[in-house]
Amino acid sequence: MKGPACRSRPRFGSSAYHELVSQPRGASRNGRMPATAAERILSAAMREFAKYGFAGARVERIVSRADVSPRSLYYHFGSKRGLYDAVRKRLSSQHFEDFVRGVTDEPLVDRLMANIDVAMTPRWQTWARLLMWEALDGGAGSAPYPEGTVPGDLLAIRAAQERGEIDPELDPHVLTLAFIAITFWPTMFPQSTKRLTEGMPSGELLRARKELVRAFVQGLGTGAAMELPAVVPGGEEPR
């Protein structure tokens, strides 16, 4: 007859892992709560999927890095796909908190500056690589923010237009796309960025990007005039 310890327990899928990893397991010698097996698996999987994509990721490397058995992985997440979905849910939630949630009354330039800082964090770089792998694998995937929500930068730009910070006649969707490019291109395409900037040091490039964002916001104000690049004879733009 099986004892209480042998009773089967419910399997935790991607939708329930948050509850699992928040359960206390006792403090370690340094007073910190030790990471649960599920949290270690999730952390290792983030690195694996970001580096190799879903198709190239290997369960053996994930369990080795997390120091757990394959059985533990399948117990907590059900399958490789279940683990991937849990990773994506975690990163999507963090992305929503960083870039999408709500709109404050702070000046637009302050929000855009903060976006550049957040985009340089390892957490966001992991999310960016994951999205790029999804595109390369040919999968449409889902939006990098909860369905039914509007990108926070688009809401912030619309709010800035209503406050008169920038010209309300400008298309907020195109402006959002332009600022996204300034914010995320160096993170998503570091080698291309290095060639384009002729190896500009990262600190110098960061300052230059922020100065450009500030100049753009000021130049997009109502009544402000932005100088366009001169056109050389023959109709060709200078390079």
Foldseek 3Di string as FASTA:
>chain_A
DDDPVPDDDAAAFLVRVVVVQPDADDADPVRHGDGDLSRLLLVLVLVQCLVQNLVGGDPVSSCVSSVHDSVVVCRHHVDSVRSVVNNLVVLLVVCCVLWFPDEDPDALLVSLLSLLVVLPDPSNLSVLSNVVSCVVVVHPDDDSYDPPGDTRNLVHVCVCCVVQLFPPVDDSVVVSVVSCCLRHVCSNPVVVVCVVVVNDDPVVSSVVSSVVSVVVSNQRGVPHDDDDQDADPPRHGDD
